[in-house]
Amino acid sequence: MLRSVPHHFDYFRSGRRSLGVVSLMVACLCTAIWVRSIDITDDVLIVLPGRYRLVIISQDRALQLFFRCAAAIETEPPQIIWRTYVFRPNVIETDLVSWTFRAFGLWFGRVSQQLTHPDSIWIIVVSYWTIIGPLIPICSYLLLSTPTPTHGQISTPEAHNTALDSQGQGEAASSSAVGPSFEDNYNRLLSDQDDRVAMKD
């Protein structure tokens, strides 16, 4: 009787390993964008309804987010514009930004009101290594660690031996139901030949 062969994708049926695959894909995507940002600048302009705009810029190994709140309601329709440039120097002038937080590759601040009055513009700068760095050990742990069995899945040596005995009995019953094996037929043929030789003698 044919026995079922474990499928290669059974390894990823665990929720932990599935999350590890997703984390690995995010890490690979961020790495590709990181390398691209060395020579190429990408920016996405998102015009939101009302007074808000969001600009996302990927350049110089970092992701920059500019959030603008206009003083007056603008009539420009909502839209998304994606533009690509050859690498250009960083446009952020640190002297014109009041930084609230600057640590671990993460910057958060606000553009001076002297330049943006009456509008308000907030800036968030995230270095790609701050995203990729934590994802690498997380992916390794989720993909390589062995899931801890639950209380109902913990097996004792006695239960393991009982399961093996049951499996052996099931295989014996299945083989007898299907018919004699090749080894049984071969042994029977040898015994018949011995009987014939004995009768001739």
Protein backbone atom coordinates (compact mmCIF):
# COMPACT_ATOMS: atom_id res chain seq x y z
CA MET A 1 0.00 0.00 0.00
CA LEU A 2 1.34 3.42 -0.92
CA ARG A 3 2.29 5.66 1.97
CA SER A 4 1.75 9.40 1.90
CA VAL A 5 4.89 11.40 1.31
CA PRO A 6 5.32 14.66 3.31
CA HIS A 7 4.92 17.72 1.13
CA HIS A 8 7.73 20.27 0.98
CA PHE A 9 5.38 23.11 1.93
CA ASP A 10 4.39 21.40 5.19
CA TYR A 11 7.34 23.22 6.76
CA PHE A 12 5.61 26.58 6.19
CA ARG A 13 2.19 25.59 7.54
CA SER A 14 3.14 26.96 10.94
CA GLY A 15 1.89 30.47 11.56
CA ARG A 16 5.28 31.43 12.97
CA ARG A 17 7.14 30.36 9.83
CA SER A 18 4.58 32.03 7.57
CA LEU A 19 5.19 35.27 9.46
CA GLY A 20 8.91 34.67 9.04
CA VAL A 21 8.51 34.42 5.27
CA VAL A 22 6.57 37.70 5.21
CA SER A 23 9.26 39.38 7.33
CA LEU A 24 11.96 38.05 5.00
CA MET A 25 10.14 39.45 1.95
CA VAL A 26 9.82 42.87 3.62
CA ALA A 27 13.53 42.82 4.49
CA CYS A 28 14.48 41.94 0.90
CA LEU A 29 12.22 44.70 -0.46
CA CYS A 30 13.71 47.30 1.88
CA THR A 31 17.21 46.17 0.93
CA ALA A 32 16.44 46.62 -2.77
CA ILE A 33 15.02 50.11 -2.17
CA TRP A 34 18.03 50.94 0.02
CA VAL A 35 20.45 50.05 -2.79
CA ARG A 36 18.34 51.96 -5.32
CA SER A 37 18.34 55.09 -3.13
CA ILE A 38 22.13 55.36 -3.42
CA ASP A 39 21.97 56.56 -7.03
CA ILE A 40 18.28 57.28 -7.68
CA THR A 41 15.75 59.45 -5.89
CA ASP A 42 12.08 58.46 -5.86
CA ASP A 43 9.36 60.65 -4.45
CA VAL A 44 5.65 60.14 -4.19
CA LEU A 45 3.27 63.07 -3.77
CA ILE A 46 -0.08 62.18 -2.22
CA VAL A 47 -2.66 64.95 -2.32
CA LEU A 48 -5.32 64.30 0.28
CA PRO A 49 -8.75 65.95 0.46
CA GLY A 50 -8.84 69.27 2.25
CA ARG A 51 -5.63 70.79 3.59
CA TYR A 52 -3.27 67.84 3.79
CA ARG A 53 -0.44 66.60 1.62
CA LEU A 54 2.07 63.79 2.08
CA VAL A 55 5.41 63.53 0.28
CA ILE A 56 7.46 60.32 0.56
CA ILE A 57 11.06 60.57 -0.65
CA SER A 58 13.54 57.70 -0.90
CA GLN A 59 17.09 58.95 -1.30
CA ASP A 60 20.52 58.83 0.29
CA ARG A 61 19.85 55.49 2.08
CA ALA A 62 16.89 56.89 3.99
CA LEU A 63 13.14 57.26 3.77
CA GLN A 64 11.83 60.79 4.26
CA LEU A 65 8.22 61.68 4.96
CA PHE A 66 6.93 65.25 4.72
CA PHE A 67 3.45 65.91 6.08
CA ARG A 68 1.99 69.31 5.26
CA CYS A 69 -1.08 70.88 6.77
CA ALA A 70 -2.13 73.95 4.79
CA ALA A 71 -3.73 76.90 6.53
CA ALA A 72 -6.49 77.13 3.92
CA ILE A 73 -8.51 74.42 2.19
CA GLU A 74 -7.11 73.73 -1.27
CA THR A 75 -9.22 72.92 -4.31
CA GLU A 76 -6.73 70.54 -5.92
CA PRO A 77 -8.33 67.11 -6.43
CA PRO A 78 -6.92 64.08 -4.59
CA GLN A 79 -4.18 62.37 -6.59
CA ILE A 80 -0.94 60.42 -6.36
CA ILE A 81 2.14 61.46 -8.36
CA TRP A 82 5.33 59.38 -8.54
CA ARG A 83 8.53 60.96 -9.82
CA THR A 84 12.06 59.62 -10.28
CA TYR A 85 15.30 61.61 -10.46
CA VAL A 86 18.98 60.96 -10.77
CA PHE A 87 20.54 61.20 -7.32
CA ARG A 88 20.69 64.70 -5.94
CA PRO A 89 22.06 65.98 -2.62
CA ASN A 90 19.83 65.77 0.41
CA VAL A 91 17.39 68.70 0.34
CA ILE A 92 16.86 68.77 4.10
CA GLU A 93 18.64 71.68 5.75
CA THR A 94 19.07 70.75 9.39
CA ASP A 95 19.32 74.41 10.40
CA LEU A 96 15.79 75.03 9.13
CA VAL A 97 14.26 72.11 11.00
CA SER A 98 13.46 71.98 14.67
CA TRP A 99 14.29 68.36 15.48
CA THR A 100 12.37 66.81 18.37
CA PHE A 101 14.02 63.39 18.23
CA ARG A 102 17.29 62.24 16.62
CA ALA A 103 18.53 58.78 17.58
CA PHE A 104 18.96 55.24 16.24
CA GLY A 105 18.58 56.35 12.61
CA LEU A 106 15.19 57.96 13.29
CA TRP A 107 14.63 61.71 13.04
CA PHE A 108 11.46 63.62 13.77
CA GLY A 109 11.01 67.37 13.52
CA ARG A 110 9.15 70.36 12.19
CA VAL A 111 10.15 72.89 9.55
CA SER A 112 10.66 76.39 10.86
CA GLN A 113 7.48 78.44 10.82
CA GLN A 114 9.44 81.33 9.34
CA LEU A 115 9.59 79.42 6.05
CA THR A 116 6.21 77.70 6.03
CA HIS A 117 3.97 80.24 7.74
CA PRO A 118 1.02 79.94 7.82
CA ASP A 119 1.35 76.24 6.86
CA SER A 120 2.81 73.54 9.06
CA ILE A 121 5.20 70.83 7.81
CA TRP A 122 6.41 67.86 9.86
CA ILE A 123 9.32 65.65 8.80
CA ILE A 124 10.14 62.02 9.64
CA VAL A 125 13.42 60.53 8.43
CA VAL A 126 14.00 56.78 8.79
CA SER A 127 17.28 55.15 7.81
CA TYR A 128 16.79 51.87 5.99
CA TRP A 129 19.21 50.06 8.30
CA THR A 130 16.87 50.74 11.22
CA ILE A 131 14.21 48.73 9.37
CA ILE A 132 16.38 45.96 7.95
CA GLY A 133 18.56 45.48 11.04
CA PRO A 134 15.79 44.25 13.38
CA LEU A 135 14.10 42.23 10.63
CA ILE A 136 17.11 39.95 10.05
CA PRO A 137 17.18 38.35 13.54
CA ILE A 138 13.38 38.26 13.61
CA CYS A 139 13.30 36.34 10.30
CA SER A 140 16.00 33.96 11.52
CA TYR A 141 14.13 33.22 14.72
CA LEU A 142 10.75 32.71 13.05
CA LEU A 143 12.12 30.50 10.26
CA LEU A 144 14.71 28.42 12.11
CA SER A 145 13.22 27.98 15.57
CA THR A 146 11.22 24.86 16.39
CA PRO A 147 7.62 25.56 17.44
CA THR A 148 6.95 24.61 21.05
CA PRO A 149 4.28 21.88 21.23
CA THR A 150 1.11 22.65 23.12
CA HIS A 151 -0.06 20.69 26.16
CA GLY A 152 -2.16 18.40 24.02
CA GLN A 153 0.73 17.71 21.63
CA ILE A 154 3.34 16.71 24.25
CA SER A 155 4.03 12.98 23.89
CA THR A 156 5.64 10.60 26.37
CA PRO A 157 7.94 7.68 25.38
CA GLU A 158 5.13 5.23 26.17
CA ALA A 159 2.72 7.07 23.91
CA HIS A 160 5.37 7.20 21.17
CA ASN A 161 5.95 3.42 21.38
CA THR A 162 2.20 2.80 21.35
CA ALA A 163 1.88 4.93 18.24
CA LEU A 164 4.67 2.99 16.52
CA ASP A 165 3.04 -0.35 17.42
CA SER A 166 -0.29 0.85 16.08
CA GLN A 167 1.41 2.04 12.89
CA GLY A 168 3.13 -1.36 12.47
CA GLN A 169 -0.11 -3.22 12.98
CA GLY A 170 -1.85 -0.98 10.50
CA GLU A 171 0.84 -1.56 7.89
CA ALA A 172 0.66 -5.32 8.47
CA ALA A 173 -3.09 -5.31 8.11
CA SER A 174 -2.92 -3.20 4.97
CA SER A 175 -0.26 -5.48 3.42
CA SER A 176 -2.32 -8.59 4.20
CA ALA A 177 -5.39 -6.97 2.72
CA VAL A 178 -3.56 -6.12 -0.46
CA GLY A 179 -1.89 -9.54 -0.85
CA PRO A 180 1.47 -11.25 -0.30
CA SER A 181 4.55 -9.17 -0.85
CA PHE A 182 7.37 -9.94 -3.26
CA GLU A 183 9.46 -11.39 -0.43
CA ASP A 184 6.64 -13.78 0.57
CA ASN A 185 6.27 -15.01 -3.01
CA TYR A 186 10.04 -15.48 -3.31
CA ASN A 187 10.26 -17.52 -0.10
CA ARG A 188 7.30 -19.65 -1.17
CA LEU A 189 8.95 -20.36 -4.52
CA LEU A 190 12.15 -21.54 -2.78
CA SER A 191 10.17 -23.81 -0.46
CA ASP A 192 8.36 -25.38 -3.43
CA GLN A 193 11.68 -26.10 -5.15
CA ASP A 194 13.05 -27.75 -1.99
CA ASP A 195 9.93 -29.96 -1.75
CA ARG A 196 10.38 -31.09 -5.37
CA VAL A 197 14.04 -31.96 -4.81
CA ALA A 198 13.15 -33.99 -1.72
CA MET A 199 10.45 -35.92 -3.61
CA LYS A 200 12.92 -36.85 -6.39
CA ASP A 201 15.44 -38.13 -3.87
